[in-house]
Amino acid sequence: MNGLEIYIHIPFCVKKCDYCDFLSAPADLETKEKYVEALINEIKLNKNKMSEYVVDTV
């Protein structure tokens, strides 16, 4: 089996740090919940493509 490393970006922060280059912004609870729902849906849509992999890290 092939190893797989997964990065999931959570783009929400209380404030933007001066040194941060990541895409991030404040968000209300509804926006955060919709984002997590979209992540879950994306994972479900792609799970069959990942059957030959073992997730090493997230």
N, C-alpha and C. Protein backbone atom coordinates (compact mmCIF):
# COMPACT_ATOMS: atom_id res chain seq x y z
N MET A 1 0.84 -1.19 0.00
CA MET A 1 0.00 0.00 0.00
C MET A 1 0.88 1.25 0.00
N ASN A 2 0.38 2.27 -0.62
CA ASN A 2 1.08 3.55 -0.68
C ASN A 2 0.72 4.39 0.53
N GLY A 3 1.70 5.12 1.05
CA GLY A 3 1.46 6.03 2.15
C GLY A 3 0.88 7.35 1.65
N LEU A 4 0.08 7.98 2.47
CA LEU A 4 -0.56 9.24 2.09
C LEU A 4 -0.47 10.20 3.26
N GLU A 5 -0.09 11.43 2.97
CA GLU A 5 -0.08 12.50 3.97
C GLU A 5 -1.14 13.51 3.56
N ILE A 6 -2.03 13.84 4.48
CA ILE A 6 -3.16 14.72 4.17
C ILE A 6 -3.00 16.03 4.94
N TYR A 7 -3.18 17.14 4.24
CA TYR A 7 -3.20 18.46 4.87
C TYR A 7 -4.60 19.03 4.70
N ILE A 8 -5.21 19.41 5.80
CA ILE A 8 -6.53 20.04 5.76
C ILE A 8 -6.37 21.44 6.34
N HIS A 9 -6.60 22.44 5.50
CA HIS A 9 -6.45 23.83 5.94
C HIS A 9 -7.75 24.31 6.57
N ILE A 10 -7.65 24.84 7.76
CA ILE A 10 -8.79 25.47 8.44
C ILE A 10 -8.50 26.97 8.41
N PRO A 11 -9.20 27.72 7.56
CA PRO A 11 -8.80 29.11 7.30
C PRO A 11 -9.39 30.15 8.25
N PHE A 12 -9.67 29.77 9.47
CA PHE A 12 -10.31 30.71 10.38
C PHE A 12 -9.42 31.00 11.58
N CYS A 13 -9.21 32.27 11.85
CA CYS A 13 -8.43 32.71 13.00
C CYS A 13 -9.16 33.88 13.65
N VAL A 14 -8.87 34.08 14.91
CA VAL A 14 -9.46 35.22 15.61
C VAL A 14 -8.93 36.52 15.01
N LYS A 15 -7.61 36.53 14.72
CA LYS A 15 -7.01 37.69 14.06
C LYS A 15 -5.85 37.22 13.20
N LYS A 16 -5.48 38.03 12.25
CA LYS A 16 -4.37 37.71 11.35
C LYS A 16 -3.05 38.14 12.01
N CYS A 17 -2.15 37.20 12.18
CA CYS A 17 -0.83 37.51 12.74
C CYS A 17 0.03 38.16 11.65
N ASP A 18 0.89 39.07 12.03
CA ASP A 18 1.73 39.79 11.07
C ASP A 18 2.61 38.86 10.25
N TYR A 19 3.08 37.78 10.84
CA TYR A 19 4.03 36.89 10.17
C TYR A 19 3.36 35.78 9.35
N CYS A 20 2.05 35.67 9.42
CA CYS A 20 1.34 34.55 8.80
C CYS A 20 1.10 34.78 7.31
N ASP A 21 1.49 33.77 6.51
CA ASP A 21 1.26 33.82 5.06
C ASP A 21 0.08 32.94 4.63
N PHE A 22 -0.55 32.27 5.58
CA PHE A 22 -1.67 31.40 5.25
C PHE A 22 -2.93 32.21 4.98
N LEU A 23 -3.77 31.67 4.09
CA LEU A 23 -5.08 32.28 3.86
C LEU A 23 -5.92 32.06 5.11
N SER A 24 -6.34 33.13 5.75
CA SER A 24 -7.16 33.00 6.96
C SER A 24 -7.96 34.27 7.18
N ALA A 25 -9.07 34.12 7.90
CA ALA A 25 -9.93 35.24 8.19
C ALA A 25 -10.85 34.87 9.34
N PRO A 26 -11.40 35.86 10.03
CA PRO A 26 -12.40 35.56 11.05
C PRO A 26 -13.68 35.06 10.37
N ALA A 27 -14.48 34.29 11.09
CA ALA A 27 -15.73 33.80 10.52
C ALA A 27 -16.73 33.51 11.64
N ASP A 28 -17.99 33.62 11.29
CA ASP A 28 -19.03 33.29 12.27
C ASP A 28 -19.25 31.78 12.31
N LEU A 29 -20.01 31.33 13.28
CA LEU A 29 -20.23 29.90 13.48
C LEU A 29 -20.86 29.24 12.25
N GLU A 30 -21.81 29.89 11.62
CA GLU A 30 -22.47 29.31 10.45
C GLU A 30 -21.48 29.06 9.31
N THR A 31 -20.58 30.00 9.08
CA THR A 31 -19.57 29.84 8.03
C THR A 31 -18.64 28.69 8.35
N LYS A 32 -18.23 28.59 9.61
CA LYS A 32 -17.34 27.49 10.03
C LYS A 32 -18.03 26.14 9.86
N GLU A 33 -19.30 26.06 10.25
CA GLU A 33 -20.05 24.81 10.11
C GLU A 33 -20.20 24.41 8.64
N LYS A 34 -20.48 25.38 7.77
CA LYS A 34 -20.59 25.09 6.33
C LYS A 34 -19.26 24.60 5.77
N TYR A 35 -18.17 25.19 6.22
CA TYR A 35 -16.84 24.79 5.75
C TYR A 35 -16.55 23.34 6.15
N VAL A 36 -16.84 23.00 7.40
CA VAL A 36 -16.60 21.63 7.87
C VAL A 36 -17.50 20.65 7.11
N GLU A 37 -18.75 21.00 6.88
CA GLU A 37 -19.64 20.14 6.09
C GLU A 37 -19.07 19.91 4.69
N ALA A 38 -18.54 20.97 4.07
CA ALA A 38 -17.95 20.84 2.74
C ALA A 38 -16.72 19.93 2.77
N LEU A 39 -15.89 20.04 3.81
CA LEU A 39 -14.73 19.15 3.95
C LEU A 39 -15.17 17.70 4.05
N ILE A 40 -16.17 17.44 4.88
CA ILE A 40 -16.67 16.08 5.05
C ILE A 40 -17.22 15.54 3.73
N ASN A 41 -17.97 16.36 3.01
CA ASN A 41 -18.50 15.93 1.71
C ASN A 41 -17.39 15.63 0.73
N GLU A 42 -16.35 16.46 0.71
CA GLU A 42 -15.21 16.25 -0.19
C GLU A 42 -14.50 14.93 0.13
N ILE A 43 -14.34 14.65 1.41
CA ILE A 43 -13.71 13.39 1.82
C ILE A 43 -14.56 12.20 1.37
N LYS A 44 -15.87 12.30 1.59
CA LYS A 44 -16.77 11.21 1.19
C LYS A 44 -16.75 11.00 -0.32
N LEU A 45 -16.72 12.09 -1.09
CA LEU A 45 -16.72 11.98 -2.55
C LEU A 45 -15.45 11.32 -3.07
N ASN A 46 -14.36 11.47 -2.35
CA ASN A 46 -13.07 10.96 -2.83
C ASN A 46 -12.59 9.70 -2.13
N LYS A 47 -13.40 9.14 -1.23
CA LYS A 47 -12.93 7.99 -0.45
C LYS A 47 -12.60 6.78 -1.31
N ASN A 48 -13.32 6.55 -2.39
CA ASN A 48 -13.03 5.40 -3.24
C ASN A 48 -11.69 5.53 -3.96
N LYS A 49 -11.29 6.76 -4.24
CA LYS A 49 -9.99 7.00 -4.88
C LYS A 49 -8.83 6.70 -3.93
N MET A 50 -9.11 6.66 -2.66
CA MET A 50 -8.06 6.50 -1.66
C MET A 50 -7.91 5.07 -1.15
N SER A 51 -8.64 4.12 -1.73
CA SER A 51 -8.64 2.75 -1.22
C SER A 51 -7.28 2.07 -1.28
N GLU A 52 -6.40 2.51 -2.18
CA GLU A 52 -5.08 1.88 -2.28
C GLU A 52 -4.03 2.58 -1.41
N TYR A 53 -4.47 3.52 -0.59
CA TYR A 53 -3.54 4.28 0.26
C TYR A 53 -3.79 4.00 1.74
N VAL A 54 -2.75 4.16 2.51
CA VAL A 54 -2.84 4.15 3.96
C VAL A 54 -2.45 5.55 4.42
N VAL A 55 -3.31 6.20 5.20
CA VAL A 55 -3.01 7.55 5.66
C VAL A 55 -1.95 7.48 6.75
N ASP A 56 -0.81 8.12 6.49
CA ASP A 56 0.29 8.15 7.45
C ASP A 56 0.14 9.31 8.43
N THR A 57 -0.25 10.47 7.91
CA THR A 57 -0.39 11.66 8.76
C THR A 57 -1.53 12.53 8.25
N VAL A 58 -2.12 13.27 9.19
CA VAL A 58 -3.13 14.28 8.85
C VAL A 58 -2.70 15.56 9.52
